[in-house]
Amino acid sequence: METRPYFVIGDLLATTAVGALAGLVTALLIPVGWNMMVAMLVGMALGMIVSLPGSFAFMPFFGAMEIMVPTMLAGMFAGMWIAMAAAMNPMSAGDGAGYGAAIGVGCFFVTYALNAWFRRGHRAPSAPEGAN
């Protein structure tokens, strides 16, 4: 993943926007009283459906793979969590968008932290002195 500020800010903006959109759509479509497991599965599908065109909107500016991973994760998690919450209690569209945006920010930080952890652990070993 890119570490230049332009791309980091773009990833943050994209994951926040996609999370908010997935939360909004899920809060509007999942009624109170659904089975939580069914709501979670439907919310996950809705989140992935929303995040695909949402990530396409940001790809030309910030790169395809750099945007795809965090936005798809944000859409999926926001859809699942908002759907489970909406199945238990009434949720407004604004609450769904706000919670979805917060989930998107969390997915952004988790994605970048895991990327840094994986890169640190997979460095190629250096050759011993004088080995040619």
C-alpha atoms as a PDB file:
ATOM      1  CA  MET A   1       0.000   0.000   0.000  1.00  0.00           C
ATOM      2  CA  GLU A   2       1.076   3.538  -0.621  1.00  0.00           C
ATOM      3  CA  THR A   3       2.406   5.614   2.242  1.00  0.00           C
ATOM      4  CA  ARG A   4       2.396   9.013   0.542  1.00  0.00           C
ATOM      5  CA  PRO A   5      -0.080  11.401   2.190  1.00  0.00           C
ATOM      6  CA  TYR A   6      -2.206  11.833  -0.949  1.00  0.00           C
ATOM      7  CA  PHE A   7      -2.935   8.110  -1.105  1.00  0.00           C
ATOM      8  CA  VAL A   8      -3.366   7.647   2.639  1.00  0.00           C
ATOM      9  CA  ILE A   9      -5.903  10.471   2.802  1.00  0.00           C
ATOM     10  CA  GLY A  10      -7.619   9.064  -0.282  1.00  0.00           C
ATOM     11  CA  ASP A  11      -7.875   5.628   1.304  1.00  0.00           C
ATOM     12  CA  LEU A  12      -9.288   7.157   4.475  1.00  0.00           C
ATOM     13  CA  LEU A  13     -11.829   9.159   2.474  1.00  0.00           C
ATOM     14  CA  ALA A  14     -12.818   6.138   0.392  1.00  0.00           C
ATOM     15  CA  THR A  15     -13.271   3.747   3.312  1.00  0.00           C
ATOM     16  CA  THR A  16     -15.220   6.332   5.288  1.00  0.00           C
ATOM     17  CA  ALA A  17     -17.505   7.113   2.353  1.00  0.00           C
ATOM     18  CA  VAL A  18     -18.119   3.476   1.462  1.00  0.00           C
ATOM     19  CA  GLY A  19     -18.722   2.538   5.101  1.00  0.00           C
ATOM     20  CA  ALA A  20     -21.206   5.393   5.461  1.00  0.00           C
ATOM     21  CA  LEU A  21     -23.001   4.441   2.257  1.00  0.00           C
ATOM     22  CA  ALA A  22     -23.187   0.770   3.233  1.00  0.00           C
ATOM     23  CA  GLY A  23     -24.491   1.708   6.679  1.00  0.00           C
ATOM     24  CA  LEU A  24     -27.078   4.045   5.173  1.00  0.00           C
ATOM     25  CA  VAL A  25     -28.395   1.473   2.708  1.00  0.00           C
ATOM     26  CA  THR A  26     -28.435  -1.277   5.304  1.00  0.00           C
ATOM     27  CA  ALA A  27     -30.219   0.859   7.908  1.00  0.00           C
ATOM     28  CA  LEU A  28     -32.885   1.734   5.341  1.00  0.00           C
ATOM     29  CA  LEU A  29     -33.490  -1.827   4.127  1.00  0.00           C
ATOM     30  CA  ILE A  30     -33.274  -3.995   7.265  1.00  0.00           C
ATOM     31  CA  PRO A  31     -36.419  -3.758   9.415  1.00  0.00           C
ATOM     32  CA  VAL A  32     -36.634  -4.368  13.155  1.00  0.00           C
ATOM     33  CA  GLY A  33     -37.562  -7.911  14.083  1.00  0.00           C
ATOM     34  CA  TRP A  34     -35.542  -9.862  11.534  1.00  0.00           C
ATOM     35  CA  ASN A  35     -33.516 -12.815  12.667  1.00  0.00           C
ATOM     36  CA  MET A  36     -30.065 -11.427  13.470  1.00  0.00           C
ATOM     37  CA  MET A  37     -28.216 -14.095  11.497  1.00  0.00           C
ATOM     38  CA  VAL A  38     -30.330 -13.512   8.406  1.00  0.00           C
ATOM     39  CA  ALA A  39     -29.967  -9.748   8.831  1.00  0.00           C
ATOM     40  CA  MET A  40     -26.198 -10.102   9.121  1.00  0.00           C
ATOM     41  CA  LEU A  41     -25.953 -12.170   5.932  1.00  0.00           C
ATOM     42  CA  VAL A  42     -28.222  -9.808   3.997  1.00  0.00           C
ATOM     43  CA  GLY A  43     -26.305  -6.805   5.381  1.00  0.00           C
ATOM     44  CA  MET A  44     -22.993  -8.335   4.340  1.00  0.00           C
ATOM     45  CA  ALA A  45     -24.298  -8.859   0.812  1.00  0.00           C
ATOM     46  CA  LEU A  46     -25.710  -5.315   0.697  1.00  0.00           C
ATOM     47  CA  GLY A  47     -22.403  -3.915   1.940  1.00  0.00           C
ATOM     48  CA  MET A  48     -20.441  -5.747  -0.728  1.00  0.00           C
ATOM     49  CA  ILE A  49     -22.884  -4.691  -3.437  1.00  0.00           C
ATOM     50  CA  VAL A  50     -22.616  -1.049  -2.337  1.00  0.00           C
ATOM     51  CA  SER A  51     -18.843  -1.095  -1.939  1.00  0.00           C
ATOM     52  CA  LEU A  52     -18.092  -2.360  -5.435  1.00  0.00           C
ATOM     53  CA  PRO A  53     -19.321   0.729  -7.341  1.00  0.00           C
ATOM     54  CA  GLY A  54     -18.181   2.883  -4.426  1.00  0.00           C
ATOM     55  CA  SER A  55     -14.635   1.632  -4.795  1.00  0.00           C
ATOM     56  CA  PHE A  56     -14.774   2.084  -8.572  1.00  0.00           C
ATOM     57  CA  ALA A  57     -15.478   5.776  -8.018  1.00  0.00           C
ATOM     58  CA  PHE A  58     -12.193   6.191  -6.116  1.00  0.00           C
ATOM     59  CA  MET A  59      -9.974   3.866  -8.188  1.00  0.00           C
ATOM     60  CA  PRO A  60      -8.928   6.335 -10.905  1.00  0.00           C
ATOM     61  CA  PHE A  61      -7.558   8.696  -8.280  1.00  0.00           C
ATOM     62  CA  PHE A  62      -5.957   6.384  -5.727  1.00  0.00           C
ATOM     63  CA  GLY A  63      -5.221   3.039  -7.418  1.00  0.00           C
ATOM     64  CA  ALA A  64      -7.217  -0.151  -7.803  1.00  0.00           C
ATOM     65  CA  MET A  65      -5.784  -2.566  -5.246  1.00  0.00           C
ATOM     66  CA  GLU A  66      -5.065   0.135  -2.684  1.00  0.00           C
ATOM     67  CA  ILE A  67      -8.735   1.122  -2.702  1.00  0.00           C
ATOM     68  CA  MET A  68     -10.352  -2.255  -3.238  1.00  0.00           C
ATOM     69  CA  VAL A  69      -9.135  -4.022  -0.095  1.00  0.00           C
ATOM     70  CA  PRO A  70     -10.106  -1.451   2.563  1.00  0.00           C
ATOM     71  CA  THR A  71     -13.359  -0.376   0.897  1.00  0.00           C
ATOM     72  CA  MET A  72     -14.643  -3.910   0.403  1.00  0.00           C
ATOM     73  CA  LEU A  73     -13.771  -4.698   4.014  1.00  0.00           C
ATOM     74  CA  ALA A  74     -15.480  -1.515   5.219  1.00  0.00           C
ATOM     75  CA  GLY A  75     -18.600  -2.181   3.166  1.00  0.00           C
ATOM     76  CA  MET A  76     -18.860  -5.768   4.343  1.00  0.00           C
ATOM     77  CA  PHE A  77     -18.323  -4.984   8.039  1.00  0.00           C
ATOM     78  CA  ALA A  78     -20.547  -1.914   8.019  1.00  0.00           C
ATOM     79  CA  GLY A  79     -23.319  -3.881   6.331  1.00  0.00           C
ATOM     80  CA  MET A  80     -23.065  -6.760   8.797  1.00  0.00           C
ATOM     81  CA  TRP A  81     -22.863  -4.685  11.971  1.00  0.00           C
ATOM     82  CA  ILE A  82     -25.486  -2.124  11.010  1.00  0.00           C
ATOM     83  CA  ALA A  83     -27.864  -4.883   9.876  1.00  0.00           C
ATOM     84  CA  MET A  84     -27.517  -6.720  13.188  1.00  0.00           C
ATOM     85  CA  ALA A  85     -28.099  -3.489  15.119  1.00  0.00           C
ATOM     86  CA  ALA A  86     -31.064  -2.539  12.923  1.00  0.00           C
ATOM     87  CA  ALA A  87     -32.630  -5.964  13.453  1.00  0.00           C
ATOM     88  CA  MET A  88     -32.645  -5.378  17.216  1.00  0.00           C
ATOM     89  CA  ASN A  89     -33.585  -1.675  17.488  1.00  0.00           C
ATOM     90  CA  PRO A  90     -34.970   0.945  15.126  1.00  0.00           C
ATOM     91  CA  MET A  91     -32.162   2.811  13.374  1.00  0.00           C
ATOM     92  CA  SER A  92     -32.388   6.002  11.377  1.00  0.00           C
ATOM     93  CA  ALA A  93     -30.579   6.465   8.095  1.00  0.00           C
ATOM     94  CA  GLY A  94     -28.329   9.100   9.685  1.00  0.00           C
ATOM     95  CA  ASP A  95     -27.343   6.754  12.503  1.00  0.00           C
ATOM     96  CA  GLY A  96     -26.595   4.005  10.002  1.00  0.00           C
ATOM     97  CA  ALA A  97     -24.416   6.337   7.942  1.00  0.00           C
ATOM     98  CA  GLY A  98     -22.600   7.625  11.024  1.00  0.00           C
ATOM     99  CA  TYR A  99     -21.906   4.178  12.423  1.00  0.00           C
ATOM    100  CA  GLY A 100     -20.918   2.968   8.961  1.00  0.00           C
ATOM    101  CA  ALA A 101     -18.437   5.842   8.600  1.00  0.00           C
ATOM    102  CA  ALA A 102     -16.909   4.958  11.977  1.00  0.00           C
ATOM    103  CA  ILE A 103     -16.625   1.319  10.912  1.00  0.00           C
ATOM    104  CA  GLY A 104     -14.980   2.480   7.670  1.00  0.00           C
ATOM    105  CA  VAL A 105     -12.381   4.465   9.612  1.00  0.00           C
ATOM    106  CA  GLY A 106     -11.726   1.432  11.792  1.00  0.00           C
ATOM    107  CA  CYS A 107     -11.282  -0.783   8.719  1.00  0.00           C
ATOM    108  CA  PHE A 108      -8.840   1.756   7.295  1.00  0.00           C
ATOM    109  CA  PHE A 109      -6.653   1.605  10.397  1.00  0.00           C
ATOM    110  CA  VAL A 110      -6.840  -2.176  10.636  1.00  0.00           C
ATOM    111  CA  THR A 111      -5.897  -2.554   6.972  1.00  0.00           C
ATOM    112  CA  TYR A 112      -2.893  -0.264   7.273  1.00  0.00           C
ATOM    113  CA  ALA A 113      -1.761  -1.851  10.552  1.00  0.00           C
ATOM    114  CA  LEU A 114      -1.959  -5.370   9.117  1.00  0.00           C
ATOM    115  CA  ASN A 115      -0.146  -4.277   5.974  1.00  0.00           C
ATOM    116  CA  ALA A 116       2.698  -2.830   8.073  1.00  0.00           C
ATOM    117  CA  TRP A 117       2.836  -5.975  10.200  1.00  0.00           C
ATOM    118  CA  PHE A 118       2.960  -8.287   7.172  1.00  0.00           C
ATOM    119  CA  ARG A 119       5.631  -6.200   5.446  1.00  0.00           C
ATOM    120  CA  ARG A 120       7.789  -6.169   8.548  1.00  0.00           C
ATOM    121  CA  GLY A 121       7.636  -9.934   8.966  1.00  0.00           C
ATOM    122  CA  HIS A 122       8.377 -10.815   5.324  1.00  0.00           C
ATOM    123  CA  ARG A 123      11.595  -8.987   4.627  1.00  0.00           C
ATOM    124  CA  ALA A 124      14.151 -10.951   2.681  1.00  0.00           C
ATOM    125  CA  PRO A 125      17.083 -12.070   4.805  1.00  0.00           C
ATOM    126  CA  SER A 126      20.301 -10.264   4.060  1.00  0.00           C
ATOM    127  CA  ALA A 127      23.243 -12.208   2.687  1.00  0.00           C
ATOM    128  CA  PRO A 128      26.104 -12.891   5.116  1.00  0.00           C
ATOM    129  CA  GLU A 129      29.232 -10.792   4.812  1.00  0.00           C
ATOM    130  CA  GLY A 130      31.597 -11.986   2.038  1.00  0.00           C
ATOM    131  CA  ALA A 131      29.125 -14.471   0.515  1.00  0.00           C
ATOM    132  CA  ASN A 132      29.306 -13.941  -3.255  1.00  0.00           C
END
